[in-house]
Amino acid sequence: MAQVPALTTGDLPEEYRATFERITGAFSRNANLPPVYFNCPEIAQFIFGMGAEFREKEILPTRLVEIIVVTVSKINECPYCTVHHSNRAVELGMSAETLENILEPDPPGLDAKEKLVRDYARLAIERPWGIRDQVYTDMKTHFSDREITAITMRANLASMFNKINMALQIEMEDGAMEGMLESGIGAEHVPAPQAAE
């Protein structure tokens, strides 16, 4: 159970109700998130707005977004995002084997361009201060400056969602884990971070 209450439209100040309802509808697969995030509606509207903009404006190909988000979620050990975005990746045609091995040096099912993005997303989360110039040279053979910036932003937006979800202990929606298991992805794919004593 989340550590702050799940709000309804009626719990919110009038000025945020329409935004809350719009976001709740747009993020129906993640129905447990908006009611918790909107305990701070001033910021929640912008966090969800960033995610929606990436999707609605098709700033990056959807498959690439899911590679980025699953990679980042596995690094951060976020069960919620790992499950949900693995489900989306499977819907886009990614195999269970690819997803289960997403952090391995050479995961099956990713082409060279996708591996490059996976590697860059990993660096952007694990050691953004130490990315070598050659990485950017390699990225620029496939991506524009706008796309490189968007990849960086999307990786870090995923990381922010990961950490908010885990810190507030937001529960997984019914059926999400079951859907992932039914797709052939093993339960060991889902991180199980341990709470500090």
Protein backbone atom coordinates (compact mmCIF):
# COMPACT_ATOMS: atom_id res chain seq x y z
CA MET A 1 0.00 0.00 0.00
CA ALA A 2 1.31 3.46 -0.90
CA GLN A 3 2.66 5.55 1.93
CA VAL A 4 0.39 8.50 1.08
CA PRO A 5 -3.34 8.31 0.28
CA ALA A 6 -4.74 7.58 -3.16
CA LEU A 7 -6.85 10.63 -3.96
CA THR A 8 -10.02 10.97 -5.99
CA THR A 9 -11.13 13.93 -8.07
CA GLY A 10 -13.19 15.24 -5.18
CA ASP A 11 -10.14 15.36 -2.90
CA LEU A 12 -8.36 17.85 -5.14
CA PRO A 13 -8.63 21.63 -5.37
CA GLU A 14 -11.00 22.59 -8.16
CA GLU A 15 -8.20 23.94 -10.37
CA TYR A 16 -6.56 20.50 -10.67
CA ARG A 17 -9.61 18.29 -11.12
CA ALA A 18 -9.86 18.43 -14.91
CA THR A 19 -6.13 17.78 -15.29
CA PHE A 20 -6.33 14.85 -12.87
CA GLU A 21 -9.22 13.29 -14.79
CA ARG A 22 -7.45 13.76 -18.13
CA ILE A 23 -4.23 12.21 -16.83
CA THR A 24 -6.07 9.37 -15.12
CA GLY A 25 -7.73 8.54 -18.44
CA ALA A 26 -4.47 8.77 -20.41
CA PHE A 27 -2.59 6.59 -17.92
CA SER A 28 -5.34 4.01 -17.38
CA ARG A 29 -2.86 1.11 -17.43
CA ASN A 30 -1.04 2.83 -14.59
CA ALA A 31 -4.17 3.68 -12.64
CA ASN A 32 -2.43 3.52 -9.26
CA LEU A 33 0.01 6.33 -10.09
CA PRO A 34 -2.03 9.55 -10.58
CA PRO A 35 -4.04 9.21 -7.34
CA VAL A 36 -0.78 9.06 -5.38
CA TYR A 37 1.24 11.59 -7.36
CA PHE A 38 -1.58 14.13 -7.14
CA ASN A 39 -0.97 14.56 -3.44
CA CYS A 40 1.30 17.24 -4.92
CA PRO A 41 -0.79 18.31 -7.93
CA GLU A 42 1.33 21.34 -8.76
CA ILE A 43 4.21 19.07 -9.83
CA ALA A 44 2.34 15.87 -10.75
CA GLN A 45 0.63 17.59 -13.68
CA PHE A 46 4.02 18.35 -15.23
CA ILE A 47 5.58 14.95 -14.55
CA PHE A 48 2.72 13.17 -16.30
CA GLY A 49 2.67 15.85 -18.96
CA MET A 50 6.27 15.04 -19.88
CA GLY A 51 5.46 11.36 -20.29
CA ALA A 52 2.39 12.17 -22.35
CA GLU A 53 4.32 14.53 -24.63
CA PHE A 54 6.86 11.83 -25.47
CA ARG A 55 4.05 9.50 -26.42
CA GLU A 56 1.71 11.92 -28.19
CA LYS A 57 4.37 13.77 -30.19
CA GLU A 58 6.20 10.54 -31.11
CA ILE A 59 9.49 12.22 -30.25
CA LEU A 60 11.17 8.81 -30.26
CA PRO A 61 10.02 5.49 -31.77
CA THR A 62 7.90 3.59 -29.25
CA ARG A 63 10.08 0.47 -29.37
CA LEU A 64 13.15 2.56 -28.56
CA VAL A 65 11.33 4.19 -25.64
CA GLU A 66 10.50 0.79 -24.17
CA ILE A 67 14.11 -0.39 -24.54
CA ILE A 68 15.20 2.73 -22.67
CA VAL A 69 12.59 2.44 -19.92
CA VAL A 70 13.01 -1.30 -19.29
CA THR A 71 16.80 -0.82 -19.16
CA VAL A 72 16.57 2.05 -16.69
CA SER A 73 13.92 0.31 -14.59
CA LYS A 74 16.08 -2.81 -14.30
CA ILE A 75 19.11 -0.72 -13.32
CA ASN A 76 17.09 1.12 -10.66
CA GLU A 77 15.43 -2.14 -9.57
CA CYS A 78 11.92 -0.76 -9.93
CA PRO A 79 9.47 -3.68 -10.01
CA TYR A 80 6.48 -1.52 -11.00
CA CYS A 81 8.05 -0.01 -14.11
CA THR A 82 9.89 -3.18 -15.09
CA VAL A 83 6.61 -5.11 -15.23
CA HIS A 84 4.53 -2.46 -16.97
CA HIS A 85 7.11 -1.54 -19.60
CA SER A 86 8.04 -5.17 -20.24
CA ASN A 87 4.36 -5.77 -20.99
CA ARG A 88 4.37 -2.85 -23.43
CA ALA A 89 7.57 -4.08 -25.04
CA VAL A 90 6.06 -7.53 -25.61
CA GLU A 91 3.04 -5.89 -27.25
CA LEU A 92 5.50 -4.19 -29.63
CA GLY A 93 6.96 -7.55 -30.59
CA MET A 94 9.96 -7.77 -28.27
CA SER A 95 10.67 -11.29 -27.07
CA ALA A 96 10.81 -12.50 -23.50
CA GLU A 97 14.42 -13.52 -24.11
CA THR A 98 15.35 -9.98 -25.17
CA LEU A 99 13.74 -8.42 -22.13
CA GLU A 100 15.10 -10.94 -19.66
CA ASN A 101 18.62 -10.25 -20.97
CA ILE A 102 18.30 -6.50 -21.50
CA LEU A 103 21.29 -5.72 -19.26
CA GLU A 104 23.54 -8.43 -20.72
CA PRO A 105 26.38 -7.29 -23.04
CA ASP A 106 24.67 -8.65 -26.17
CA PRO A 107 20.95 -9.22 -25.63
CA PRO A 108 19.30 -11.21 -28.41
CA GLY A 109 16.76 -9.37 -30.53
CA LEU A 110 18.31 -5.90 -30.38
CA ASP A 111 19.99 -4.50 -33.48
CA ALA A 112 23.21 -2.46 -33.29
CA LYS A 113 21.36 0.85 -33.09
CA GLU A 114 19.11 -0.38 -30.28
CA LYS A 115 22.10 -1.74 -28.34
CA LEU A 116 23.78 1.63 -28.69
CA VAL A 117 20.72 3.33 -27.18
CA ARG A 118 20.53 0.72 -24.42
CA ASP A 119 24.22 1.30 -23.60
CA TYR A 120 23.83 5.08 -23.67
CA ALA A 121 20.73 4.97 -21.43
CA ARG A 122 22.66 2.84 -18.99
CA LEU A 123 25.53 5.31 -18.91
CA ALA A 124 23.14 8.24 -18.52
CA ILE A 125 21.80 6.65 -15.33
CA GLU A 126 24.85 4.92 -13.86
CA ARG A 127 27.64 7.41 -14.59
CA PRO A 128 26.51 10.47 -16.54
CA TRP A 129 29.63 12.35 -15.47
CA GLY A 130 31.95 9.87 -17.24
CA ILE A 131 30.54 9.32 -20.73
CA ARG A 132 33.35 9.28 -23.27
CA ASP A 133 33.31 11.42 -26.41
CA GLN A 134 33.33 8.26 -28.55
CA VAL A 135 29.89 7.35 -27.23
CA TYR A 136 28.48 10.61 -28.60
CA THR A 137 30.34 10.13 -31.87
CA ASP A 138 28.73 6.70 -32.21
CA MET A 139 25.30 8.05 -31.25
CA LYS A 140 25.58 10.83 -33.84
CA THR A 141 25.97 8.29 -36.64
CA HIS A 142 22.34 7.26 -35.98
CA PHE A 143 20.66 10.12 -34.13
CA SER A 144 20.24 13.87 -34.43
CA ASP A 145 21.16 16.19 -31.57
CA ARG A 146 17.44 16.51 -30.82
CA GLU A 147 17.08 12.72 -30.59
CA ILE A 148 20.16 12.34 -28.39
CA THR A 149 18.76 14.97 -26.05
CA ALA A 150 15.36 13.25 -26.06
CA ILE A 151 16.94 9.84 -25.31
CA THR A 152 18.80 11.41 -22.39
CA MET A 153 15.64 13.07 -21.11
CA ARG A 154 13.51 9.93 -21.50
CA ALA A 155 16.04 7.80 -19.62
CA ASN A 156 16.09 10.25 -16.75
CA LEU A 157 12.32 10.70 -16.76
CA ALA A 158 12.03 6.92 -16.39
CA SER A 159 14.53 7.05 -13.53
CA MET A 160 12.47 9.72 -11.79
CA PHE A 161 9.29 7.64 -12.11
CA ASN A 162 11.19 4.58 -10.81
CA LYS A 163 12.37 6.36 -7.72
CA ILE A 164 9.09 8.10 -6.92
CA ASN A 165 7.17 4.83 -7.33
CA MET A 166 9.55 2.93 -5.07
CA ALA A 167 9.90 5.67 -2.44
CA LEU A 168 6.12 6.06 -2.12
CA GLN A 169 5.68 2.26 -2.35
CA ILE A 170 3.00 2.37 -5.03
CA GLU A 171 1.35 -0.99 -5.60
CA MET A 172 1.20 -2.82 -8.91
CA GLU A 173 -2.21 -2.88 -10.61
CA ASP A 174 -4.11 -6.16 -10.63
CA GLY A 175 -3.25 -8.25 -13.67
CA ALA A 176 0.01 -6.51 -14.60
CA MET A 177 2.32 -9.16 -13.17
CA GLU A 178 0.08 -11.95 -14.42
CA GLY A 179 0.15 -10.46 -17.91
CA MET A 180 3.93 -10.39 -17.89
CA LEU A 181 4.15 -14.02 -16.77
CA GLU A 182 1.64 -15.08 -19.41
CA SER A 183 3.85 -13.47 -22.08
CA GLY A 184 6.61 -15.94 -21.18
CA ILE A 185 8.78 -13.60 -19.11
CA GLY A 186 9.92 -15.30 -15.90
CA ALA A 187 9.24 -13.89 -12.44
CA GLU A 188 13.01 -13.52 -11.88
CA HIS A 189 12.96 -10.68 -14.45
CA VAL A 190 11.28 -8.48 -11.83
CA PRO A 191 13.72 -6.81 -9.44
CA ALA A 192 13.21 -7.42 -5.75
CA PRO A 193 15.07 -4.62 -3.96
CA GLN A 194 15.56 -5.09 -0.24
CA ALA A 195 14.60 -2.39 2.23
CA ALA A 196 17.38 -1.00 4.38
CA GLU A 197 17.36 -2.14 8.00
